[in-house]
C-alpha cells in the first residue's frame, strides 16, 4: 500500500486521460499490480487500481472502467463475488470482467465463473507475457 493510499484513500494512483479506454486492476500483490499497470499503459489503456474488494467496488461504481481485471483471492471479498456485485451496479454498465487466479485452474471453475458470476475472461497465474494483450484484444472485440 502506498503512502497516498493510506493518507488519501479515495485518491486514484494516476490521472486518467478521458480519451483512453480504462481498466481497473484489482490485485493485492504490489509487484504484480505495478507490472500490470505498466503493461496496460504500454497498450494505451489508463489504469485504476485497487488492492481490496470494497475499494474495487467503490472505484468501479464511481469510474465505470471499460475492463476490470480481478484477482481471484483478495482481502475482504472473493474476486468472484466482486464480479457479481459489479454486474448489479447498473443495468446500463457492462464492463468486460476477467479473473486471474493461481488456484482455481480447473475448467469447472471457469464455467462456473462465467455462468454464476458474469465473468467474461479467465486468466491463470503466473500470467504469460502475452496474456494482458490477449485480454485487451478479446475485451475490445466483445465491445464492438
N, C-alpha and C. Protein backbone atom coordinates (compact mmCIF):
# COMPACT_ATOMS: atom_id res chain seq x y z
N UNK A 1 0.85 -1.17 0.00
CA UNK A 1 0.00 0.00 0.00
C UNK A 1 0.90 1.23 0.00
N UNK A 2 0.60 2.20 -0.84
CA UNK A 2 1.41 3.41 -0.93
C UNK A 2 1.00 4.40 0.15
N UNK A 3 1.84 5.38 0.35
CA UNK A 3 1.54 6.44 1.31
C UNK A 3 0.29 7.19 0.87
N UNK A 4 0.13 7.39 -0.43
CA UNK A 4 -1.06 8.09 -0.93
C UNK A 4 -2.33 7.32 -0.60
N UNK A 5 -2.26 6.00 -0.67
CA UNK A 5 -3.44 5.19 -0.35
C UNK A 5 -3.81 5.32 1.12
N UNK A 6 -2.82 5.40 1.98
CA UNK A 6 -3.07 5.50 3.42
C UNK A 6 -3.57 6.90 3.77
N UNK A 7 -2.90 7.92 3.25
CA UNK A 7 -3.24 9.30 3.59
C UNK A 7 -4.54 9.76 2.96
N UNK A 8 -4.77 9.39 1.71
CA UNK A 8 -5.96 9.82 0.99
C UNK A 8 -6.56 8.61 0.29
N UNK A 9 -7.38 7.81 0.99
CA UNK A 9 -7.85 6.54 0.44
C UNK A 9 -8.68 6.66 -0.83
N UNK A 10 -9.30 7.79 -1.12
CA UNK A 10 -10.12 7.92 -2.32
C UNK A 10 -9.35 8.46 -3.51
N UNK A 11 -8.05 8.65 -3.36
CA UNK A 11 -7.25 9.18 -4.45
C UNK A 11 -6.87 8.06 -5.42
N UNK A 12 -6.99 8.34 -6.71
CA UNK A 12 -6.57 7.38 -7.72
C UNK A 12 -5.05 7.46 -7.85
N UNK A 13 -4.43 6.36 -8.25
CA UNK A 13 -2.99 6.36 -8.45
C UNK A 13 -2.56 7.30 -9.57
N UNK A 14 -3.32 7.32 -10.66
CA UNK A 14 -2.89 8.01 -11.86
C UNK A 14 -4.01 8.88 -12.39
N UNK A 15 -3.64 10.04 -12.95
CA UNK A 15 -4.67 10.81 -13.65
C UNK A 15 -5.09 10.02 -14.88
N UNK A 16 -6.36 10.04 -15.19
CA UNK A 16 -6.87 9.25 -16.30
C UNK A 16 -7.20 10.15 -17.48
N UNK A 17 -6.64 9.83 -18.62
CA UNK A 17 -6.92 10.53 -19.86
C UNK A 17 -8.29 10.06 -20.33
N UNK A 18 -9.23 10.98 -20.45
CA UNK A 18 -10.61 10.63 -20.79
C UNK A 18 -10.74 10.04 -22.19
N UNK A 19 -9.73 10.19 -23.03
CA UNK A 19 -9.81 9.66 -24.38
C UNK A 19 -9.37 8.20 -24.47
N UNK A 20 -8.71 7.72 -23.44
CA UNK A 20 -8.22 6.34 -23.45
C UNK A 20 -9.23 5.38 -22.82
N UNK A 21 -9.23 4.12 -23.28
CA UNK A 21 -10.02 3.11 -22.55
C UNK A 21 -9.43 2.94 -21.15
N UNK A 22 -10.24 2.46 -20.22
CA UNK A 22 -9.78 2.32 -18.84
C UNK A 22 -9.88 0.88 -18.36
N UNK A 23 -9.01 0.57 -17.39
CA UNK A 23 -9.01 -0.74 -16.75
C UNK A 23 -8.93 -0.52 -15.24
N UNK A 24 -9.64 -1.35 -14.52
CA UNK A 24 -9.50 -1.40 -13.06
C UNK A 24 -8.74 -2.68 -12.75
N UNK A 25 -7.54 -2.53 -12.21
CA UNK A 25 -6.71 -3.68 -11.83
C UNK A 25 -6.92 -3.88 -10.33
N UNK A 26 -7.44 -5.04 -9.96
CA UNK A 26 -7.71 -5.34 -8.55
C UNK A 26 -6.79 -6.49 -8.15
N UNK A 27 -5.71 -6.13 -7.48
CA UNK A 27 -4.67 -7.09 -7.11
C UNK A 27 -4.03 -6.64 -5.82
N UNK A 28 -3.91 -7.55 -4.85
CA UNK A 28 -3.32 -7.18 -3.57
C UNK A 28 -1.81 -7.34 -3.54
N UNK A 29 -1.21 -8.04 -4.48
CA UNK A 29 0.25 -8.15 -4.57
C UNK A 29 0.80 -6.94 -5.28
N UNK A 30 1.57 -6.14 -4.55
CA UNK A 30 2.06 -4.87 -5.09
C UNK A 30 2.90 -5.04 -6.35
N UNK A 31 3.81 -5.99 -6.39
CA UNK A 31 4.68 -6.17 -7.56
C UNK A 31 3.88 -6.52 -8.80
N UNK A 32 2.93 -7.43 -8.67
CA UNK A 32 2.11 -7.80 -9.82
C UNK A 32 1.23 -6.63 -10.24
N UNK A 33 0.70 -5.90 -9.29
CA UNK A 33 -0.14 -4.74 -9.61
C UNK A 33 0.66 -3.73 -10.44
N UNK A 34 1.88 -3.42 -10.05
CA UNK A 34 2.71 -2.46 -10.78
C UNK A 34 3.09 -3.00 -12.16
N UNK A 35 3.35 -4.28 -12.24
CA UNK A 35 3.66 -4.88 -13.54
C UNK A 35 2.47 -4.74 -14.49
N UNK A 36 1.29 -5.01 -13.98
CA UNK A 36 0.07 -4.89 -14.80
C UNK A 36 -0.18 -3.44 -15.21
N UNK A 37 0.07 -2.51 -14.30
CA UNK A 37 -0.09 -1.09 -14.61
C UNK A 37 0.77 -0.73 -15.81
N UNK A 38 2.03 -1.14 -15.77
CA UNK A 38 2.94 -0.83 -16.87
C UNK A 38 2.50 -1.49 -18.18
N UNK A 39 2.04 -2.73 -18.11
CA UNK A 39 1.59 -3.42 -19.32
C UNK A 39 0.39 -2.72 -19.95
N UNK A 40 -0.56 -2.31 -19.12
CA UNK A 40 -1.74 -1.63 -19.66
C UNK A 40 -1.38 -0.24 -20.20
N UNK A 41 -0.48 0.46 -19.53
CA UNK A 41 -0.04 1.76 -20.04
C UNK A 41 0.60 1.62 -21.42
N UNK A 42 1.42 0.59 -21.60
CA UNK A 42 2.05 0.34 -22.91
C UNK A 42 1.00 0.08 -23.99
N UNK A 43 -0.15 -0.46 -23.59
CA UNK A 43 -1.23 -0.73 -24.54
C UNK A 43 -2.19 0.46 -24.67
N UNK A 44 -1.80 1.60 -24.12
CA UNK A 44 -2.60 2.83 -24.18
C UNK A 44 -3.96 2.67 -23.49
N UNK A 45 -3.94 2.02 -22.33
CA UNK A 45 -5.14 1.86 -21.51
C UNK A 45 -4.85 2.47 -20.15
N UNK A 46 -5.70 3.37 -19.71
CA UNK A 46 -5.50 4.09 -18.46
C UNK A 46 -5.89 3.21 -17.28
N UNK A 47 -4.97 3.00 -16.33
CA UNK A 47 -5.27 2.12 -15.20
C UNK A 47 -5.81 2.83 -13.97
N UNK A 48 -6.79 2.20 -13.35
CA UNK A 48 -7.20 2.47 -11.98
C UNK A 48 -6.72 1.25 -11.22
N UNK A 49 -6.48 1.37 -9.92
CA UNK A 49 -6.07 0.21 -9.16
C UNK A 49 -6.81 0.14 -7.83
N UNK A 50 -6.92 -1.09 -7.35
CA UNK A 50 -7.48 -1.35 -6.03
C UNK A 50 -6.77 -2.58 -5.48
N UNK A 51 -6.65 -2.64 -4.17
CA UNK A 51 -6.00 -3.79 -3.56
C UNK A 51 -6.93 -4.60 -2.67
N UNK A 52 -8.21 -4.20 -2.63
CA UNK A 52 -9.18 -4.95 -1.82
C UNK A 52 -10.56 -4.91 -2.50
N UNK A 53 -11.44 -5.74 -2.02
CA UNK A 53 -12.76 -5.87 -2.62
C UNK A 53 -13.63 -4.63 -2.52
N UNK A 54 -13.73 -4.04 -1.34
CA UNK A 54 -14.58 -2.87 -1.16
C UNK A 54 -14.05 -1.67 -1.94
N UNK A 55 -12.73 -1.53 -1.97
CA UNK A 55 -12.12 -0.46 -2.75
C UNK A 55 -12.44 -0.65 -4.24
N UNK A 56 -12.39 -1.89 -4.70
CA UNK A 56 -12.71 -2.19 -6.11
C UNK A 56 -14.14 -1.83 -6.44
N UNK A 57 -15.06 -2.16 -5.57
CA UNK A 57 -16.47 -1.84 -5.81
C UNK A 57 -16.70 -0.32 -5.86
N UNK A 58 -16.05 0.41 -4.97
CA UNK A 58 -16.18 1.86 -4.94
C UNK A 58 -15.66 2.46 -6.24
N UNK A 59 -14.48 2.04 -6.68
CA UNK A 59 -13.88 2.59 -7.89
C UNK A 59 -14.70 2.20 -9.12
N UNK A 60 -15.18 0.97 -9.17
CA UNK A 60 -15.99 0.54 -10.32
C UNK A 60 -17.27 1.37 -10.41
N UNK A 61 -17.91 1.61 -9.28
CA UNK A 61 -19.16 2.39 -9.28
C UNK A 61 -18.92 3.85 -9.66
N UNK A 62 -17.82 4.43 -9.20
CA UNK A 62 -17.53 5.84 -9.47
C UNK A 62 -16.96 6.07 -10.86
N UNK A 63 -16.05 5.20 -11.30
CA UNK A 63 -15.28 5.46 -12.52
C UNK A 63 -15.75 4.70 -13.75
N UNK A 64 -16.49 3.62 -13.55
CA UNK A 64 -17.04 2.83 -14.66
C UNK A 64 -15.97 2.42 -15.69
N UNK A 65 -14.92 1.71 -15.26
CA UNK A 65 -13.88 1.31 -16.22
C UNK A 65 -14.43 0.36 -17.28
N UNK A 66 -13.79 0.35 -18.44
CA UNK A 66 -14.21 -0.49 -19.56
C UNK A 66 -13.88 -1.96 -19.31
N UNK A 67 -12.76 -2.20 -18.63
CA UNK A 67 -12.26 -3.55 -18.35
C UNK A 67 -11.94 -3.64 -16.87
N UNK A 68 -12.27 -4.77 -16.26
CA UNK A 68 -11.95 -5.00 -14.86
C UNK A 68 -11.20 -6.32 -14.76
N UNK A 69 -10.00 -6.26 -14.19
CA UNK A 69 -9.17 -7.45 -14.01
C UNK A 69 -9.05 -7.71 -12.51
N UNK A 70 -9.67 -8.80 -12.07
CA UNK A 70 -9.76 -9.14 -10.65
C UNK A 70 -8.87 -10.31 -10.28
N UNK A 71 -8.19 -10.19 -9.16
CA UNK A 71 -7.52 -11.34 -8.57
C UNK A 71 -8.61 -12.22 -7.96
N UNK A 72 -8.44 -13.52 -8.04
CA UNK A 72 -9.45 -14.42 -7.50
C UNK A 72 -9.57 -14.36 -5.99
N UNK A 73 -8.45 -14.24 -5.29
CA UNK A 73 -8.44 -14.18 -3.83
C UNK A 73 -7.94 -12.83 -3.37
N UNK A 74 -8.80 -12.08 -2.71
CA UNK A 74 -8.48 -10.73 -2.25
C UNK A 74 -8.89 -10.55 -0.80
N UNK A 75 -8.30 -9.56 -0.14
CA UNK A 75 -8.77 -9.24 1.22
C UNK A 75 -10.22 -8.76 1.17
N UNK A 76 -10.97 -9.09 2.17
CA UNK A 76 -12.35 -8.65 2.38
C UNK A 76 -13.38 -9.40 1.55
N UNK A 77 -13.06 -9.74 0.32
CA UNK A 77 -14.08 -10.30 -0.56
C UNK A 77 -13.41 -11.10 -1.68
N UNK A 78 -14.02 -12.19 -2.05
CA UNK A 78 -13.54 -13.03 -3.13
C UNK A 78 -13.74 -12.33 -4.47
N UNK A 79 -12.81 -12.48 -5.40
CA UNK A 79 -12.91 -11.83 -6.71
C UNK A 79 -14.19 -12.18 -7.45
N UNK A 80 -14.66 -13.41 -7.31
CA UNK A 80 -15.90 -13.81 -7.97
C UNK A 80 -17.09 -13.01 -7.44
N UNK A 81 -17.11 -12.78 -6.14
CA UNK A 81 -18.19 -12.00 -5.53
C UNK A 81 -18.13 -10.54 -5.97
N UNK A 82 -16.93 -10.01 -6.11
CA UNK A 82 -16.78 -8.64 -6.60
C UNK A 82 -17.41 -8.53 -7.99
N UNK A 83 -17.14 -9.52 -8.84
CA UNK A 83 -17.71 -9.53 -10.20
C UNK A 83 -19.24 -9.53 -10.13
N UNK A 84 -19.78 -10.33 -9.26
CA UNK A 84 -21.24 -10.40 -9.14
C UNK A 84 -21.82 -9.04 -8.73
N UNK A 85 -21.19 -8.38 -7.76
CA UNK A 85 -21.65 -7.05 -7.34
C UNK A 85 -21.53 -6.04 -8.48
N UNK A 86 -20.43 -6.08 -9.21
CA UNK A 86 -20.23 -5.13 -10.31
C UNK A 86 -21.31 -5.32 -11.37
N UNK A 87 -21.70 -6.55 -11.63
CA UNK A 87 -22.74 -6.81 -12.63
C UNK A 87 -24.08 -6.21 -12.23
N UNK A 88 -24.24 -5.90 -10.94
CA UNK A 88 -25.50 -5.33 -10.45
C UNK A 88 -25.42 -3.85 -10.11
N UNK A 89 -24.33 -3.19 -10.48
CA UNK A 89 -24.19 -1.76 -10.20
C UNK A 89 -25.26 -0.98 -10.94
N UNK A 90 -25.41 -1.27 -12.22
CA UNK A 90 -26.32 -0.51 -13.07
C UNK A 90 -26.62 -1.36 -14.31
N UNK A 91 -27.86 -1.41 -14.71
CA UNK A 91 -28.25 -2.22 -15.87
C UNK A 91 -27.58 -1.74 -17.16
N UNK A 92 -27.14 -0.48 -17.22
CA UNK A 92 -26.51 0.06 -18.42
C UNK A 92 -24.99 -0.07 -18.42
N UNK A 93 -24.43 -0.56 -17.35
CA UNK A 93 -22.97 -0.68 -17.24
C UNK A 93 -22.55 -2.13 -17.45
N UNK A 94 -21.80 -2.38 -18.52
CA UNK A 94 -21.40 -3.74 -18.89
C UNK A 94 -19.90 -3.82 -19.17
N UNK A 95 -19.06 -3.75 -18.12
CA UNK A 95 -17.63 -3.85 -18.37
C UNK A 95 -17.24 -5.29 -18.70
N UNK A 96 -16.11 -5.46 -19.36
CA UNK A 96 -15.55 -6.79 -19.59
C UNK A 96 -14.82 -7.15 -18.30
N UNK A 97 -15.20 -8.25 -17.66
CA UNK A 97 -14.62 -8.64 -16.38
C UNK A 97 -13.80 -9.91 -16.55
N UNK A 98 -12.56 -9.85 -16.06
CA UNK A 98 -11.67 -11.01 -16.11
C UNK A 98 -11.17 -11.33 -14.71
N UNK A 99 -11.02 -12.62 -14.45
CA UNK A 99 -10.46 -13.11 -13.19
C UNK A 99 -9.07 -13.67 -13.50
N UNK A 100 -8.12 -13.41 -12.61
CA UNK A 100 -6.82 -14.06 -12.70
C UNK A 100 -6.60 -14.84 -11.41
N UNK A 101 -6.19 -16.09 -11.55
CA UNK A 101 -6.05 -16.94 -10.38
C UNK A 101 -4.95 -17.98 -10.56
N UNK A 102 -4.36 -18.37 -9.47
CA UNK A 102 -3.38 -19.45 -9.47
C UNK A 102 -3.97 -20.70 -8.84
N UNK A 103 -5.14 -20.56 -8.25
CA UNK A 103 -5.75 -21.67 -7.50
C UNK A 103 -6.86 -22.36 -8.28
N UNK A 104 -7.79 -21.60 -8.81
CA UNK A 104 -8.97 -22.14 -9.46
C UNK A 104 -8.69 -22.37 -10.95
N UNK A 105 -7.92 -23.41 -11.26
CA UNK A 105 -7.45 -23.65 -12.63
C UNK A 105 -8.36 -24.59 -13.43
N UNK A 106 -9.10 -25.40 -12.77
CA UNK A 106 -9.91 -26.42 -13.45
C UNK A 106 -11.00 -25.79 -14.30
N UNK A 107 -11.34 -26.42 -15.40
CA UNK A 107 -12.37 -25.95 -16.32
C UNK A 107 -13.71 -25.75 -15.61
N UNK A 108 -13.99 -26.58 -14.63
CA UNK A 108 -15.24 -26.45 -13.87
C UNK A 108 -15.37 -25.05 -13.26
N UNK A 109 -14.26 -24.53 -12.69
CA UNK A 109 -14.28 -23.20 -12.09
C UNK A 109 -14.49 -22.13 -13.15
N UNK A 110 -13.88 -22.33 -14.32
CA UNK A 110 -14.03 -21.34 -15.40
C UNK A 110 -15.48 -21.27 -15.86
N UNK A 111 -16.11 -22.42 -16.02
CA UNK A 111 -17.52 -22.44 -16.44
C UNK A 111 -18.42 -21.83 -15.37
N UNK A 112 -18.16 -22.16 -14.12
CA UNK A 112 -18.94 -21.61 -13.01
C UNK A 112 -18.77 -20.09 -12.94
N UNK A 113 -17.55 -19.62 -13.17
CA UNK A 113 -17.29 -18.18 -13.13
C UNK A 113 -18.12 -17.45 -14.17
N UNK A 114 -18.23 -18.02 -15.34
CA UNK A 114 -19.00 -17.37 -16.41
C UNK A 114 -20.50 -17.43 -16.14
N UNK A 115 -20.98 -18.59 -15.73
CA UNK A 115 -22.42 -18.76 -15.55
C UNK A 115 -22.97 -18.10 -14.29
N UNK A 116 -22.26 -18.24 -13.18
CA UNK A 116 -22.80 -17.75 -11.91
C UNK A 116 -22.37 -16.34 -11.53
N UNK A 117 -21.22 -15.90 -12.04
CA UNK A 117 -20.69 -14.62 -11.59
C UNK A 117 -20.54 -13.58 -12.69
N UNK A 118 -20.81 -13.94 -13.93
CA UNK A 118 -20.73 -12.98 -15.02
C UNK A 118 -19.32 -12.64 -15.46
N UNK A 119 -18.40 -13.56 -15.25
CA UNK A 119 -17.01 -13.37 -15.65
C UNK A 119 -16.90 -13.60 -17.16
N UNK A 120 -16.23 -12.69 -17.86
CA UNK A 120 -16.07 -12.82 -19.30
C UNK A 120 -14.79 -13.53 -19.71
N UNK A 121 -13.76 -13.44 -18.87
CA UNK A 121 -12.45 -13.96 -19.22
C UNK A 121 -11.79 -14.56 -17.99
N UNK A 122 -10.91 -15.51 -18.21
CA UNK A 122 -10.30 -16.25 -17.12
C UNK A 122 -8.82 -16.42 -17.42
N UNK A 123 -7.94 -15.89 -16.57
CA UNK A 123 -6.51 -15.98 -16.77
C UNK A 123 -5.88 -16.78 -15.63
N UNK A 124 -4.92 -17.62 -15.98
CA UNK A 124 -4.23 -18.44 -14.98
C UNK A 124 -2.89 -17.79 -14.66
N UNK A 125 -2.62 -17.63 -13.36
CA UNK A 125 -1.33 -17.11 -12.90
C UNK A 125 -0.32 -18.25 -12.85
N UNK A 126 0.94 -18.00 -13.06
CA UNK A 126 1.50 -16.71 -13.44
C UNK A 126 1.10 -16.35 -14.86
N UNK A 127 0.86 -15.07 -15.08
CA UNK A 127 0.39 -14.61 -16.38
C UNK A 127 1.51 -14.67 -17.40
N UNK A 128 1.21 -15.27 -18.54
CA UNK A 128 2.17 -15.31 -19.64
C UNK A 128 2.36 -13.90 -20.17
N UNK A 129 3.51 -13.60 -20.78
CA UNK A 129 3.77 -12.24 -21.28
C UNK A 129 2.69 -11.70 -22.23
N UNK A 130 2.10 -12.54 -23.00
CA UNK A 130 1.09 -12.11 -23.97
C UNK A 130 -0.33 -12.10 -23.40
N UNK A 131 -0.51 -12.50 -22.15
CA UNK A 131 -1.85 -12.65 -21.57
C UNK A 131 -2.62 -11.33 -21.52
N UNK A 132 -1.97 -10.26 -21.13
CA UNK A 132 -2.66 -8.97 -21.00
C UNK A 132 -3.07 -8.44 -22.37
N UNK A 133 -2.18 -8.54 -23.35
CA UNK A 133 -2.51 -8.10 -24.71
C UNK A 133 -3.67 -8.91 -25.28
N UNK A 134 -3.67 -10.21 -25.04
CA UNK A 134 -4.78 -11.06 -25.49
C UNK A 134 -6.08 -10.69 -24.81
N UNK A 135 -6.03 -10.41 -23.53
CA UNK A 135 -7.22 -9.99 -22.79
C UNK A 135 -7.78 -8.69 -23.38
N UNK A 136 -6.92 -7.74 -23.67
CA UNK A 136 -7.36 -6.47 -24.24
C UNK A 136 -8.00 -6.69 -25.61
N UNK A 137 -7.41 -7.53 -26.43
CA UNK A 137 -8.00 -7.81 -27.76
C UNK A 137 -9.38 -8.44 -27.62
N UNK A 138 -9.54 -9.39 -26.70
CA UNK A 138 -10.83 -10.04 -26.51
C UNK A 138 -11.86 -9.05 -25.97
N UNK A 139 -11.46 -8.19 -25.05
CA UNK A 139 -12.38 -7.20 -24.49
C UNK A 139 -12.81 -6.20 -25.57
N UNK A 140 -11.88 -5.77 -26.40
CA UNK A 140 -12.24 -4.84 -27.48
C UNK A 140 -13.15 -5.49 -28.49
N UNK A 141 -12.90 -6.74 -28.83
CA UNK A 141 -13.75 -7.46 -29.79
C UNK A 141 -15.15 -7.64 -29.22
N UNK A 142 -15.27 -7.91 -27.94
CA UNK A 142 -16.58 -8.12 -27.32
C UNK A 142 -17.38 -6.83 -27.23
N UNK A 143 -16.71 -5.69 -27.18
CA UNK A 143 -17.42 -4.41 -27.03
C UNK A 143 -17.93 -3.87 -28.36
N UNK A 144 -17.54 -4.48 -29.45
CA UNK A 144 -17.97 -3.98 -30.79
C UNK A 144 -19.29 -4.54 -31.18
